[in-house]
Amino acid sequence: MQKFTDMLRPLSPSPATPHLLAASPAMPRALRALVFVFFCFLSVRAATAQEAQFSAEVELPGITNYAPPSSQASPASTTGVDLLLDARLSAEAKTISEGMVWRVFGSEPEQGGKLPLLAIAEGGPTRITLNPGEYLVHAAFGRAGATTRITLGNEARHETMILDAGGLRLEGVLPDKIPMRNDRLRFDIYHAEEDENGERRLILPDVRPGRTVRLNAGTYHIVSNYGDVNATIRADIRVEAGKTTTAQVEHRAAQVTLNLVRGDAGVPLADTAWSVVGPSGEVLAENVGAFPSMILAAGNYTVIAKNKNRVFQREIEIRAGRDTVVKLDAESAEQLDQ
């Protein structure tokens, strides 16, 4: 595996491998039909007011304004026409077998200009029974999605939606294969394009390392934060349709633990106020305690400790991947005048 310092870039993509949902060939035909109907019954559920909260967290391409129906509204007809739905990441990929969320909207706005949300289904391939008419169908797979307009006549219709989407898996490393504190590593995923104010729209915050995020094909801006002080790396990365791309970022940073002691064998003093100052004199971090820990980017810093009416300081160097404990001896460290 290749490794890149202070930058993010894709490694070799691997094909996505979803599988078709199928009943066992040994299962009797009548029982298989019963299982399929029962699955479809479970997968289709009415939209409720809770959907309004969930919809704010996902994008619905081509649908900018819609109104969830009341809890008494019927999402689908029981005597109408079957609409069979499935989806693929790309035209060459296999059918997605699980993790899909389907939403069916009426094509005409209701009073107030909002499209009515008529039905929701979850899982993989699904069947929704609707009255003949025109509908907008949205298919969501993670943060990837697509919308199509469907006209339903008097006969059942099968629709396969091509999402033009892939996966992005983000990982982090330290120099010399030193183990990383993955619990302190997070990624934020943004749209690559900036608005008129130079801001990028956030897609998904606080992504854990190793998690695969489903996204529409395209370029995204990634922000990698190791700790919460100054170990931050930014880069753009492209997601390809039908593939999962693994991107690896190498952070040049380390964890430092601070102690103010009295003598070589002294116990860290409680109620110590700490400040970490960067080369330009800016205060990067503040904390109170006997042994606070933080992750800092490699470089030189000034550590200031205040305990009661005494203030001490020490210059320190952080080396990439080398966690360290910094001790200030109250008996010998440089003391500052207040």
C-alpha atoms as a PDB file:
ATOM      1  CA  MET A   1       0.000   0.000   0.000  1.00  0.00           C
ATOM      2  CA  GLN A   2       1.341   3.398  -0.986  1.00  0.00           C
ATOM      3  CA  LYS A   3       1.612   6.119   1.636  1.00  0.00           C
ATOM      4  CA  PHE A   4       1.435   9.873   1.195  1.00  0.00           C
ATOM      5  CA  THR A   5       2.673  12.509   3.626  1.00  0.00           C
ATOM      6  CA  ASP A   6       0.380  15.396   4.583  1.00  0.00           C
ATOM      7  CA  MET A   7      -1.973  14.726   1.696  1.00  0.00           C
ATOM      8  CA  LEU A   8      -4.867  12.507   0.689  1.00  0.00           C
ATOM      9  CA  ARG A   9      -5.143  10.548  -2.527  1.00  0.00           C
ATOM     10  CA  PRO A  10      -6.963   7.427  -3.787  1.00  0.00           C
ATOM     11  CA  LEU A  11      -5.414   3.988  -3.754  1.00  0.00           C
ATOM     12  CA  SER A  12      -6.471   1.177  -6.080  1.00  0.00           C
ATOM     13  CA  PRO A  13     -10.264   1.061  -6.415  1.00  0.00           C
ATOM     14  CA  SER A  14     -11.984  -2.257  -5.803  1.00  0.00           C
ATOM     15  CA  PRO A  15     -15.252  -3.248  -7.510  1.00  0.00           C
ATOM     16  CA  ALA A  16     -18.400  -2.947  -5.479  1.00  0.00           C
ATOM     17  CA  THR A  17     -19.961  -6.366  -4.911  1.00  0.00           C
ATOM     18  CA  PRO A  18     -23.638  -6.167  -3.994  1.00  0.00           C
ATOM     19  CA  HIS A  19     -25.634  -9.392  -4.480  1.00  0.00           C
ATOM     20  CA  LEU A  20     -29.125 -10.109  -5.739  1.00  0.00           C
ATOM     21  CA  LEU A  21     -31.778 -11.079  -3.255  1.00  0.00           C
ATOM     22  CA  ALA A  22     -33.054 -14.571  -4.077  1.00  0.00           C
ATOM     23  CA  ALA A  23     -35.027 -17.328  -2.415  1.00  0.00           C
ATOM     24  CA  SER A  24     -33.514 -20.785  -2.095  1.00  0.00           C
ATOM     25  CA  PRO A  25     -34.125 -22.948  -5.213  1.00  0.00           C
ATOM     26  CA  ALA A  26     -35.159 -25.769  -2.893  1.00  0.00           C
ATOM     27  CA  MET A  27     -38.011 -23.715  -1.447  1.00  0.00           C
ATOM     28  CA  PRO A  28     -41.472 -24.682  -2.806  1.00  0.00           C
ATOM     29  CA  ARG A  29     -42.860 -22.187  -5.347  1.00  0.00           C
ATOM     30  CA  ALA A  30     -45.912 -21.314  -3.263  1.00  0.00           C
ATOM     31  CA  LEU A  31     -43.814 -20.709  -0.162  1.00  0.00           C
ATOM     32  CA  ARG A  32     -41.379 -18.551  -2.136  1.00  0.00           C
ATOM     33  CA  ALA A  33     -44.257 -16.410  -3.363  1.00  0.00           C
ATOM     34  CA  LEU A  34     -45.565 -16.052   0.182  1.00  0.00           C
ATOM     35  CA  VAL A  35     -42.106 -15.029   1.449  1.00  0.00           C
ATOM     36  CA  PHE A  36     -41.761 -12.422  -1.306  1.00  0.00           C
ATOM     37  CA  VAL A  37     -45.165 -10.893  -0.576  1.00  0.00           C
ATOM     38  CA  PHE A  38     -44.407 -10.838   3.147  1.00  0.00           C
ATOM     39  CA  PHE A  39     -41.020  -9.155   2.492  1.00  0.00           C
ATOM     40  CA  CYS A  40     -42.652  -6.482   0.344  1.00  0.00           C
ATOM     41  CA  PHE A  41     -45.317  -5.916   3.005  1.00  0.00           C
ATOM     42  CA  LEU A  42     -42.615  -5.335   5.601  1.00  0.00           C
ATOM     43  CA  SER A  43     -40.463  -3.134   3.387  1.00  0.00           C
ATOM     44  CA  VAL A  44     -43.197  -0.648   2.424  1.00  0.00           C
ATOM     45  CA  ARG A  45     -44.254   1.656   5.222  1.00  0.00           C
ATOM     46  CA  ALA A  46     -46.239   4.851   5.488  1.00  0.00           C
ATOM     47  CA  ALA A  47     -44.374   8.142   5.623  1.00  0.00           C
ATOM     48  CA  THR A  48     -44.834   9.896   8.953  1.00  0.00           C
ATOM     49  CA  ALA A  49     -43.881  13.199  10.487  1.00  0.00           C
ATOM     50  CA  GLN A  50     -40.578  11.638  11.511  1.00  0.00           C
ATOM     51  CA  GLU A  51     -39.617  11.517   7.825  1.00  0.00           C
ATOM     52  CA  ALA A  52     -39.475  15.307   7.737  1.00  0.00           C
ATOM     53  CA  GLN A  53     -36.600  15.220  10.232  1.00  0.00           C
ATOM     54  CA  PHE A  54     -34.767  12.454   8.359  1.00  0.00           C
ATOM     55  CA  SER A  55     -35.204  14.135   4.976  1.00  0.00           C
ATOM     56  CA  ALA A  56     -33.294  17.177   6.168  1.00  0.00           C
ATOM     57  CA  GLU A  57     -30.183  15.001   6.399  1.00  0.00           C
ATOM     58  CA  VAL A  58     -30.243  13.679   2.817  1.00  0.00           C
ATOM     59  CA  GLU A  59     -30.381  15.219  -0.622  1.00  0.00           C
ATOM     60  CA  LEU A  60     -33.231  14.429  -3.023  1.00  0.00           C
ATOM     61  CA  PRO A  61     -31.980  15.272  -6.532  1.00  0.00           C
ATOM     62  CA  GLY A  62     -34.691  16.963  -8.560  1.00  0.00           C
ATOM     63  CA  ILE A  63     -36.979  17.387  -5.535  1.00  0.00           C
ATOM     64  CA  THR A  64     -36.574  20.651  -3.665  1.00  0.00           C
ATOM     65  CA  ASN A  65     -39.776  20.838  -1.637  1.00  0.00           C
ATOM     66  CA  TYR A  66     -42.123  18.119  -0.443  1.00  0.00           C
ATOM     67  CA  ALA A  67     -44.713  17.556   2.255  1.00  0.00           C
ATOM     68  CA  PRO A  68     -44.871  14.314   4.292  1.00  0.00           C
ATOM     69  CA  PRO A  69     -48.468  13.109   4.566  1.00  0.00           C
ATOM     70  CA  SER A  70     -50.314  12.853   7.847  1.00  0.00           C
ATOM     71  CA  SER A  71     -50.050   9.613   9.796  1.00  0.00           C
ATOM     72  CA  GLN A  72     -53.596   8.695   8.649  1.00  0.00           C
ATOM     73  CA  ALA A  73     -52.720   8.956   4.946  1.00  0.00           C
ATOM     74  CA  SER A  74     -52.360   5.759   2.930  1.00  0.00           C
ATOM     75  CA  PRO A  75     -48.942   5.524   1.244  1.00  0.00           C
ATOM     76  CA  ALA A  76     -49.918   3.065  -1.473  1.00  0.00           C
ATOM     77  CA  SER A  77     -52.913   1.388  -3.012  1.00  0.00           C
ATOM     78  CA  THR A  78     -53.810  -2.217  -2.190  1.00  0.00           C
ATOM     79  CA  THR A  79     -55.840  -2.688  -5.397  1.00  0.00           C
ATOM     80  CA  GLY A  80     -53.724  -0.747  -7.904  1.00  0.00           C
ATOM     81  CA  VAL A  81     -50.755  -1.567 -10.133  1.00  0.00           C
ATOM     82  CA  ASP A  82     -47.418  -2.997  -8.990  1.00  0.00           C
ATOM     83  CA  LEU A  83     -44.271  -0.913  -9.426  1.00  0.00           C
ATOM     84  CA  LEU A  84     -41.172  -3.120  -9.143  1.00  0.00           C
ATOM     85  CA  LEU A  85     -38.012  -1.204  -8.224  1.00  0.00           C
ATOM     86  CA  ASP A  86     -34.327  -2.083  -8.038  1.00  0.00           C
ATOM     87  CA  ALA A  87     -31.079  -0.125  -8.335  1.00  0.00           C
ATOM     88  CA  ARG A  88     -27.440  -0.432  -9.393  1.00  0.00           C
ATOM     89  CA  LEU A  89     -24.380   1.683  -8.620  1.00  0.00           C
ATOM     90  CA  SER A  90     -23.516   1.743 -12.330  1.00  0.00           C
ATOM     91  CA  ALA A  91     -24.876   0.175 -15.488  1.00  0.00           C
ATOM     92  CA  GLU A  92     -22.309  -2.650 -15.194  1.00  0.00           C
ATOM     93  CA  ALA A  93     -22.782  -3.302 -11.462  1.00  0.00           C
ATOM     94  CA  LYS A  94     -25.025  -5.894  -9.847  1.00  0.00           C
ATOM     95  CA  THR A  95     -28.359  -5.103  -8.268  1.00  0.00           C
ATOM     96  CA  ILE A  96     -28.050  -3.593  -4.776  1.00  0.00           C
ATOM     97  CA  SER A  97     -29.475  -6.158  -2.368  1.00  0.00           C
ATOM     98  CA  GLU A  98     -29.841  -4.085   0.814  1.00  0.00           C
ATOM     99  CA  GLY A  99     -29.494  -0.613   2.285  1.00  0.00           C
ATOM    100  CA  MET A 100     -31.759   1.168  -0.207  1.00  0.00           C
ATOM    101  CA  VAL A 101     -34.405   3.729   0.772  1.00  0.00           C
ATOM    102  CA  TRP A 102     -37.132   4.332  -1.815  1.00  0.00           C
ATOM    103  CA  ARG A 103     -39.458   7.356  -1.758  1.00  0.00           C
ATOM    104  CA  VAL A 104     -42.422   7.825  -4.064  1.00  0.00           C
ATOM    105  CA  PHE A 105     -43.831  11.333  -4.601  1.00  0.00           C
ATOM    106  CA  GLY A 106     -46.872  12.602  -6.406  1.00  0.00           C
ATOM    107  CA  SER A 107     -45.934  14.532  -9.538  1.00  0.00           C
ATOM    108  CA  GLU A 108     -48.198  17.505  -8.850  1.00  0.00           C
ATOM    109  CA  PRO A 109     -47.636  19.920  -5.948  1.00  0.00           C
ATOM    110  CA  GLU A 110     -50.283  20.142  -3.263  1.00  0.00           C
ATOM    111  CA  GLN A 111     -51.567  23.347  -1.745  1.00  0.00           C
ATOM    112  CA  GLY A 112     -48.512  25.273  -0.633  1.00  0.00           C
ATOM    113  CA  GLY A 113     -46.427  24.115  -3.585  1.00  0.00           C
ATOM    114  CA  LYS A 114     -45.049  20.944  -1.987  1.00  0.00           C
ATOM    115  CA  LEU A 115     -44.928  17.503  -3.582  1.00  0.00           C
ATOM    116  CA  PRO A 116     -46.848  14.855  -1.578  1.00  0.00           C
ATOM    117  CA  LEU A 117     -44.697  12.002  -0.248  1.00  0.00           C
ATOM    118  CA  LEU A 118     -46.818   8.901  -0.883  1.00  0.00           C
ATOM    119  CA  ALA A 119     -44.722   5.874   0.066  1.00  0.00           C
ATOM    120  CA  ILE A 120     -41.408   4.736   1.506  1.00  0.00           C
ATOM    121  CA  ALA A 121     -39.721   1.342   1.135  1.00  0.00           C
ATOM    122  CA  GLU A 122     -36.449   0.079   2.594  1.00  0.00           C
ATOM    123  CA  GLY A 123     -34.138  -2.805   1.747  1.00  0.00           C
ATOM    124  CA  GLY A 124     -33.132  -3.888  -1.755  1.00  0.00           C
ATOM    125  CA  PRO A 125     -35.443  -4.691  -4.693  1.00  0.00           C
ATOM    126  CA  THR A 126     -38.987  -3.850  -3.673  1.00  0.00           C
ATOM    127  CA  ARG A 127     -42.584  -3.700  -4.904  1.00  0.00           C
ATOM    128  CA  ILE A 128     -45.005  -0.848  -4.286  1.00  0.00           C
ATOM    129  CA  THR A 129     -48.652  -0.941  -5.353  1.00  0.00           C
ATOM    130  CA  LEU A 130     -49.959   2.387  -6.652  1.00  0.00           C
ATOM    131  CA  ASN A 131     -52.888   3.721  -8.603  1.00  0.00           C
ATOM    132  CA  PRO A 132     -52.189   4.439 -12.290  1.00  0.00           C
ATOM    133  CA  GLY A 133     -50.639   7.865 -12.751  1.00  0.00           C
ATOM    134  CA  GLU A 134     -47.408   9.821 -12.830  1.00  0.00           C
ATOM    135  CA  TYR A 135     -44.909   9.717  -9.953  1.00  0.00           C
ATOM    136  CA  LEU A 136     -41.431  10.858  -8.975  1.00  0.00           C
ATOM    137  CA  VAL A 137     -39.329   8.039  -7.492  1.00  0.00           C
ATOM    138  CA  HIS A 138     -36.218   8.794  -5.456  1.00  0.00           C
ATOM    139  CA  ALA A 139     -33.673   6.059  -4.675  1.00  0.00           C
ATOM    140  CA  ALA A 140     -31.173   6.647  -1.856  1.00  0.00           C
ATOM    141  CA  PHE A 141     -28.161   4.499  -0.979  1.00  0.00           C
ATOM    142  CA  GLY A 142     -26.235   6.106   1.855  1.00  0.00           C
ATOM    143  CA  ARG A 143     -25.471   9.643   0.673  1.00  0.00           C
ATOM    144  CA  ALA A 144     -25.900   8.660  -2.973  1.00  0.00           C
ATOM    145  CA  GLY A 145     -29.207   9.082  -4.734  1.00  0.00           C
ATOM    146  CA  ALA A 146     -31.111   9.573  -7.975  1.00  0.00           C
ATOM    147  CA  THR A 147     -34.618  10.635  -8.984  1.00  0.00           C
ATOM    148  CA  THR A 148     -36.702   9.571 -11.991  1.00  0.00           C
ATOM    149  CA  ARG A 149     -40.212  10.324 -13.278  1.00  0.00           C
ATOM    150  CA  ILE A 150     -42.385   7.258 -13.863  1.00  0.00           C
ATOM    151  CA  THR A 151     -45.760   6.930 -15.583  1.00  0.00           C
ATOM    152  CA  LEU A 152     -47.703   3.925 -14.297  1.00  0.00           C
ATOM    153  CA  GLY A 153     -50.393   2.517 -16.565  1.00  0.00           C
ATOM    154  CA  ASN A 154     -52.765  -0.401 -16.072  1.00  0.00           C
ATOM    155  CA  GLU A 155     -49.995  -3.022 -16.121  1.00  0.00           C
ATOM    156  CA  ALA A 156     -47.151  -3.723 -13.695  1.00  0.00           C
ATOM    157  CA  ARG A 157     -43.895  -1.892 -14.415  1.00  0.00           C
ATOM    158  CA  HIS A 158     -40.301  -2.777 -13.580  1.00  0.00           C
ATOM    159  CA  GLU A 159     -37.823   0.097 -13.175  1.00  0.00           C
ATOM    160  CA  THR A 160     -34.063  -0.261 -12.653  1.00  0.00           C
ATOM    161  CA  MET A 161     -32.412   2.949 -11.451  1.00  0.00           C
ATOM    162  CA  ILE A 162     -28.722   3.621 -12.150  1.00  0.00           C
ATOM    163  CA  LEU A 163     -27.381   5.676  -9.232  1.00  0.00           C
ATOM    164  CA  ASP A 164     -24.010   6.592 -10.829  1.00  0.00           C
ATOM    165  CA  ALA A 165     -22.450   6.181  -7.383  1.00  0.00           C
ATOM    166  CA  GLY A 166     -19.576   4.514  -5.577  1.00  0.00           C
ATOM    167  CA  GLY A 167     -17.993   4.217  -2.149  1.00  0.00           C
ATOM    168  CA  LEU A 168     -15.303   6.146  -0.287  1.00  0.00           C
ATOM    169  CA  ARG A 169     -13.309   4.535   2.523  1.00  0.00           C
ATOM    170  CA  LEU A 170     -11.027   6.844   4.542  1.00  0.00           C
ATOM    171  CA  GLU A 171      -8.070   5.728   6.656  1.00  0.00           C
ATOM    172  CA  GLY A 172      -5.249   7.361   8.592  1.00  0.00           C
ATOM    173  CA  VAL A 173      -1.626   6.439   9.327  1.00  0.00           C
ATOM    174  CA  LEU A 174       1.416   7.830  11.148  1.00  0.00           C
ATOM    175  CA  PRO A 175       5.033   7.751   9.906  1.00  0.00           C
ATOM    176  CA  ASP A 176       7.053   4.535  10.200  1.00  0.00           C
ATOM    177  CA  LYS A 177       3.873   2.420  10.567  1.00  0.00           C
ATOM    178  CA  ILE A 178       3.347   3.679  14.108  1.00  0.00           C
ATOM    179  CA  PRO A 179      -0.187   2.760  15.298  1.00  0.00           C
ATOM    180  CA  MET A 180      -2.653   5.633  15.172  1.00  0.00           C
ATOM    181  CA  ARG A 181      -5.219   6.587  17.798  1.00  0.00           C
ATOM    182  CA  ASN A 182      -8.244   5.984  15.565  1.00  0.00           C
ATOM    183  CA  ASP A 183     -10.617   7.147  18.275  1.00  0.00           C
ATOM    184  CA  ARG A 184      -9.098  10.637  17.855  1.00  0.00           C
ATOM    185  CA  LEU A 185      -9.304  10.641  14.033  1.00  0.00           C
ATOM    186  CA  ARG A 186     -12.325  11.964  12.141  1.00  0.00           C
ATOM    187  CA  PHE A 187     -13.102  13.026   8.576  1.00  0.00           C
ATOM    188  CA  ASP A 188     -15.514  15.654   7.251  1.00  0.00           C
ATOM    189  CA  ILE A 189     -16.779  15.288   3.676  1.00  0.00           C
ATOM    190  CA  TYR A 190     -17.722  18.428   1.710  1.00  0.00           C
ATOM    191  CA  HIS A 191     -18.819  19.278  -1.803  1.00  0.00           C
ATOM    192  CA  ALA A 192     -15.759  20.280  -3.836  1.00  0.00           C
ATOM    193  CA  GLU A 193     -17.369  23.423  -5.274  1.00  0.00           C
ATOM    194  CA  GLU A 194     -17.269  26.657  -3.305  1.00  0.00           C
ATOM    195  CA  ASP A 195     -20.185  29.088  -3.136  1.00  0.00           C
ATOM    196  CA  GLU A 196     -19.975  32.847  -3.723  1.00  0.00           C
ATOM    197  CA  ASN A 197     -18.637  33.265  -0.164  1.00  0.00           C
ATOM    198  CA  GLY A 198     -15.864  30.703  -0.641  1.00  0.00           C
ATOM    199  CA  GLU A 199     -17.649  28.162   1.561  1.00  0.00           C
ATOM    200  CA  ARG A 200     -18.176  24.478   0.818  1.00  0.00           C
ATOM    201  CA  ARG A 201     -21.391  22.670   1.723  1.00  0.00           C
ATOM    202  CA  LEU A 202     -20.940  19.927   4.333  1.00  0.00           C
ATOM    203  CA  ILE A 203     -22.192  16.492   3.268  1.00  0.00           C
ATOM    204  CA  LEU A 204     -21.230  14.305   6.230  1.00  0.00           C
ATOM    205  CA  PRO A 205     -19.298  15.233   9.413  1.00  0.00           C
ATOM    206  CA  ASP A 206     -17.308  13.104  11.864  1.00  0.00           C
ATOM    207  CA  VAL A 207     -16.792  10.062   9.637  1.00  0.00           C
ATOM    208  CA  ARG A 208     -14.922   7.321  11.485  1.00  0.00           C
ATOM    209  CA  PRO A 209     -11.813   5.794   9.832  1.00  0.00           C
ATOM    210  CA  GLY A 210     -12.527   2.562   8.005  1.00  0.00           C
ATOM    211  CA  ARG A 211     -16.182   3.358   7.326  1.00  0.00           C
ATOM    212  CA  THR A 212     -17.354   3.174   3.699  1.00  0.00           C
ATOM    213  CA  VAL A 213     -19.549   6.121   2.703  1.00  0.00           C
ATOM    214  CA  ARG A 214     -21.798   5.804  -0.353  1.00  0.00           C
ATOM    215  CA  LEU A 215     -21.616   8.905  -2.560  1.00  0.00           C
ATOM    216  CA  ASN A 216     -22.601   9.941  -6.065  1.00  0.00           C
ATOM    217  CA  ALA A 217     -19.683   9.832  -8.500  1.00  0.00           C
ATOM    218  CA  GLY A 218     -17.680  13.045  -8.465  1.00  0.00           C
ATOM    219  CA  THR A 219     -14.986  14.995  -6.621  1.00  0.00           C
ATOM    220  CA  TYR A 220     -15.240  15.740  -2.892  1.00  0.00           C
ATOM    221  CA  HIS A 221     -13.262  17.873  -0.474  1.00  0.00           C
ATOM    222  CA  ILE A 222     -12.010  15.917   2.555  1.00  0.00           C
ATOM    223  CA  VAL A 223     -10.920  17.434   5.876  1.00  0.00           C
ATOM    224  CA  SER A 224      -9.027  15.063   8.181  1.00  0.00           C
ATOM    225  CA  ASN A 225      -8.747  16.056  11.859  1.00  0.00           C
ATOM    226  CA  TYR A 226      -6.446  14.175  14.237  1.00  0.00           C
ATOM    227  CA  GLY A 227      -7.346  15.421  17.686  1.00  0.00           C
ATOM    228  CA  ASP A 228      -8.989  18.809  18.071  1.00  0.00           C
ATOM    229  CA  VAL A 229      -6.085  21.285  18.028  1.00  0.00           C
ATOM    230  CA  ASN A 230      -4.112  21.793  14.819  1.00  0.00           C
ATOM    231  CA  ALA A 231      -3.423  18.405  13.166  1.00  0.00           C
ATOM    232  CA  THR A 232      -5.628  19.022  10.106  1.00  0.00           C
ATOM    233  CA  ILE A 233      -5.130  17.981   6.474  1.00  0.00           C
ATOM    234  CA  ARG A 234      -7.311  18.893   3.478  1.00  0.00           C
ATOM    235  CA  ALA A 235      -7.474  17.349   0.020  1.00  0.00           C
ATOM    236  CA  ASP A 236      -9.794  16.646  -2.906  1.00  0.00           C
ATOM    237  CA  ILE A 237     -10.579  13.078  -3.944  1.00  0.00           C
ATOM    238  CA  ARG A 238     -12.666  11.558  -6.715  1.00  0.00           C
ATOM    239  CA  VAL A 239     -15.288   8.826  -6.284  1.00  0.00           C
ATOM    240  CA  GLU A 240     -15.901   6.556  -9.296  1.00  0.00           C
ATOM    241  CA  ALA A 241     -19.224   4.926 -10.123  1.00  0.00           C
ATOM    242  CA  GLY A 242     -19.465   1.234  -9.264  1.00  0.00           C
ATOM    243  CA  LYS A 243     -16.214   1.192  -7.266  1.00  0.00           C
ATOM    244  CA  THR A 244     -15.074   1.659  -3.694  1.00  0.00           C
ATOM    245  CA  THR A 245     -12.045   3.956  -3.442  1.00  0.00           C
ATOM    246  CA  THR A 246      -9.778   3.742  -0.403  1.00  0.00           C
ATOM    247  CA  ALA A 247      -7.970   6.973   0.481  1.00  0.00           C
ATOM    248  CA  GLN A 248      -5.221   7.111   3.079  1.00  0.00           C
ATOM    249  CA  VAL A 249      -3.909  10.174   4.901  1.00  0.00           C
ATOM    250  CA  GLU A 250      -0.630  10.298   6.809  1.00  0.00           C
ATOM    251  CA  HIS A 251      -0.690  12.717   9.734  1.00  0.00           C
ATOM    252  CA  ARG A 252       2.577  14.158  10.996  1.00  0.00           C
ATOM    253  CA  ALA A 253       1.480  14.617  14.599  1.00  0.00           C
ATOM    254  CA  ALA A 254       1.755  13.079  18.068  1.00  0.00           C
ATOM    255  CA  GLN A 255       0.078  13.085  21.456  1.00  0.00           C
ATOM    256  CA  VAL A 256       1.639  15.055  24.291  1.00  0.00           C
ATOM    257  CA  THR A 257       0.773  14.733  27.985  1.00  0.00           C
ATOM    258  CA  LEU A 258       1.644  17.670  30.262  1.00  0.00           C
ATOM    259  CA  ASN A 259       2.752  17.478  33.912  1.00  0.00           C
ATOM    260  CA  LEU A 260       3.768  20.150  36.406  1.00  0.00           C
ATOM    261  CA  VAL A 261       5.754  18.447  39.165  1.00  0.00           C
ATOM    262  CA  ARG A 262       7.860  19.460  42.136  1.00  0.00           C
ATOM    263  CA  GLY A 263      11.178  17.583  41.891  1.00  0.00           C
ATOM    264  CA  ASP A 264      12.135  14.604  39.706  1.00  0.00           C
ATOM    265  CA  ALA A 265       9.901  12.182  41.618  1.00  0.00           C
ATOM    266  CA  GLY A 266       7.123  14.683  42.222  1.00  0.00           C
ATOM    267  CA  VAL A 267       3.448  13.938  41.681  1.00  0.00           C
ATOM    268  CA  PRO A 268       1.710  16.082  38.997  1.00  0.00           C
ATOM    269  CA  LEU A 269       0.113  19.104  40.624  1.00  0.00           C
ATOM    270  CA  ALA A 270      -3.642  19.391  40.386  1.00  0.00           C
ATOM    271  CA  ASP A 271      -5.498  22.579  39.417  1.00  0.00           C
ATOM    272  CA  THR A 272      -2.810  23.565  36.943  1.00  0.00           C
ATOM    273  CA  ALA A 273      -3.926  25.795  34.056  1.00  0.00           C
ATOM    274  CA  TRP A 274      -2.155  25.019  30.779  1.00  0.00           C
ATOM    275  CA  SER A 275      -1.669  26.966  27.555  1.00  0.00           C
ATOM    276  CA  VAL A 276       0.055  25.759  24.395  1.00  0.00           C
ATOM    277  CA  VAL A 277       1.377  28.589  22.227  1.00  0.00           C
ATOM    278  CA  GLY A 278       2.369  28.272  18.567  1.00  0.00           C
ATOM    279  CA  PRO A 279       5.449  29.753  16.861  1.00  0.00           C
ATOM    280  CA  SER A 280       3.539  32.918  15.931  1.00  0.00           C
ATOM    281  CA  GLY A 281       2.411  33.525  19.499  1.00  0.00           C
ATOM    282  CA  GLU A 282      -1.147  32.285  19.018  1.00  0.00           C
ATOM    283  CA  VAL A 283      -2.714  30.246  21.824  1.00  0.00           C
ATOM    284  CA  LEU A 284      -3.609  26.878  20.267  1.00  0.00           C
ATOM    285  CA  ALA A 285      -4.969  25.000  23.263  1.00  0.00           C
ATOM    286  CA  GLU A 286      -5.907  25.544  26.889  1.00  0.00           C
ATOM    287  CA  ASN A 287      -6.692  23.030  29.587  1.00  0.00           C
ATOM    288  CA  VAL A 288      -6.867  22.613  33.362  1.00  0.00           C
ATOM    289  CA  GLY A 289      -5.705  19.525  35.195  1.00  0.00           C
ATOM    290  CA  ALA A 290      -2.799  17.501  36.549  1.00  0.00           C
ATOM    291  CA  PHE A 291      -1.981  15.641  33.292  1.00  0.00           C
ATOM    292  CA  PRO A 292      -3.947  16.862  30.262  1.00  0.00           C
ATOM    293  CA  SER A 293      -3.287  15.199  26.895  1.00  0.00           C
ATOM    294  CA  MET A 294      -3.681  16.588  23.394  1.00  0.00           C
ATOM    295  CA  ILE A 295      -2.596  15.837  19.850  1.00  0.00           C
ATOM    296  CA  LEU A 296      -0.400  18.432  18.136  1.00  0.00           C
ATOM    297  CA  ALA A 297       1.025  18.678  14.631  1.00  0.00           C
ATOM    298  CA  ALA A 298       4.793  18.186  14.473  1.00  0.00           C
ATOM    299  CA  GLY A 299       6.676  21.383  15.281  1.00  0.00           C
ATOM    300  CA  ASN A 300       7.895  23.660  18.066  1.00  0.00           C
ATOM    301  CA  TYR A 301       5.683  25.061  20.819  1.00  0.00           C
ATOM    302  CA  THR A 302       5.796  26.963  24.089  1.00  0.00           C
ATOM    303  CA  VAL A 303       4.013  25.340  27.036  1.00  0.00           C
ATOM    304  CA  ILE A 304       2.846  27.618  29.857  1.00  0.00           C
ATOM    305  CA  ALA A 305       1.664  26.259  33.220  1.00  0.00           C
ATOM    306  CA  LYS A 306       0.000  28.325  35.940  1.00  0.00           C
ATOM    307  CA  ASN A 307      -0.449  26.931  39.426  1.00  0.00           C
ATOM    308  CA  LYS A 308      -1.700  29.193  42.206  1.00  0.00           C
ATOM    309  CA  ASN A 309       0.318  32.421  41.823  1.00  0.00           C
ATOM    310  CA  ARG A 310       3.247  30.943  39.895  1.00  0.00           C
ATOM    311  CA  VAL A 311       3.645  30.705  36.106  1.00  0.00           C
ATOM    312  CA  PHE A 312       6.161  28.468  34.345  1.00  0.00           C
ATOM    313  CA  GLN A 313       7.067  27.905  30.700  1.00  0.00           C
ATOM    314  CA  ARG A 314       9.063  25.504  28.585  1.00  0.00           C
ATOM    315  CA  GLU A 315       9.896  25.147  24.898  1.00  0.00           C
ATOM    316  CA  ILE A 316       9.014  21.739  23.449  1.00  0.00           C
ATOM    317  CA  GLU A 317       9.339  19.941  20.113  1.00  0.00           C
ATOM    318  CA  ILE A 318       6.703  17.528  18.807  1.00  0.00           C
ATOM    319  CA  ARG A 319       8.022  14.791  16.517  1.00  0.00           C
ATOM    320  CA  ALA A 320       5.644  13.026  14.135  1.00  0.00           C
ATOM    321  CA  GLY A 321       4.315   9.774  15.564  1.00  0.00           C
ATOM    322  CA  ARG A 322       6.321  10.060  18.804  1.00  0.00           C
ATOM    323  CA  ASP A 323       3.951  10.426  21.745  1.00  0.00           C
ATOM    324  CA  THR A 324       5.619  12.096  24.707  1.00  0.00           C
ATOM    325  CA  VAL A 325       5.161  13.241  28.289  1.00  0.00           C
ATOM    326  CA  VAL A 326       6.404  16.757  29.014  1.00  0.00           C
ATOM    327  CA  LYS A 327       7.259  17.530  32.626  1.00  0.00           C
ATOM    328  CA  LEU A 328       7.779  21.029  33.998  1.00  0.00           C
ATOM    329  CA  ASP A 329       9.647  20.997  37.293  1.00  0.00           C
ATOM    330  CA  ALA A 330       8.320  23.772  39.517  1.00  0.00           C
ATOM    331  CA  GLU A 331      11.705  23.899  41.214  1.00  0.00           C
ATOM    332  CA  SER A 332      13.834  24.347  38.081  1.00  0.00           C
ATOM    333  CA  ALA A 333      11.595  25.427  35.169  1.00  0.00           C
ATOM    334  CA  GLU A 334      11.657  28.967  33.867  1.00  0.00           C
ATOM    335  CA  GLN A 335       9.305  31.074  35.951  1.00  0.00           C
ATOM    336  CA  LEU A 336       7.500  34.083  34.472  1.00  0.00           C
ATOM    337  CA  ASP A 337       6.599  37.309  36.170  1.00  0.00           C
ATOM    338  CA  GLN A 338       2.865  38.012  36.323  1.00  0.00           C
END
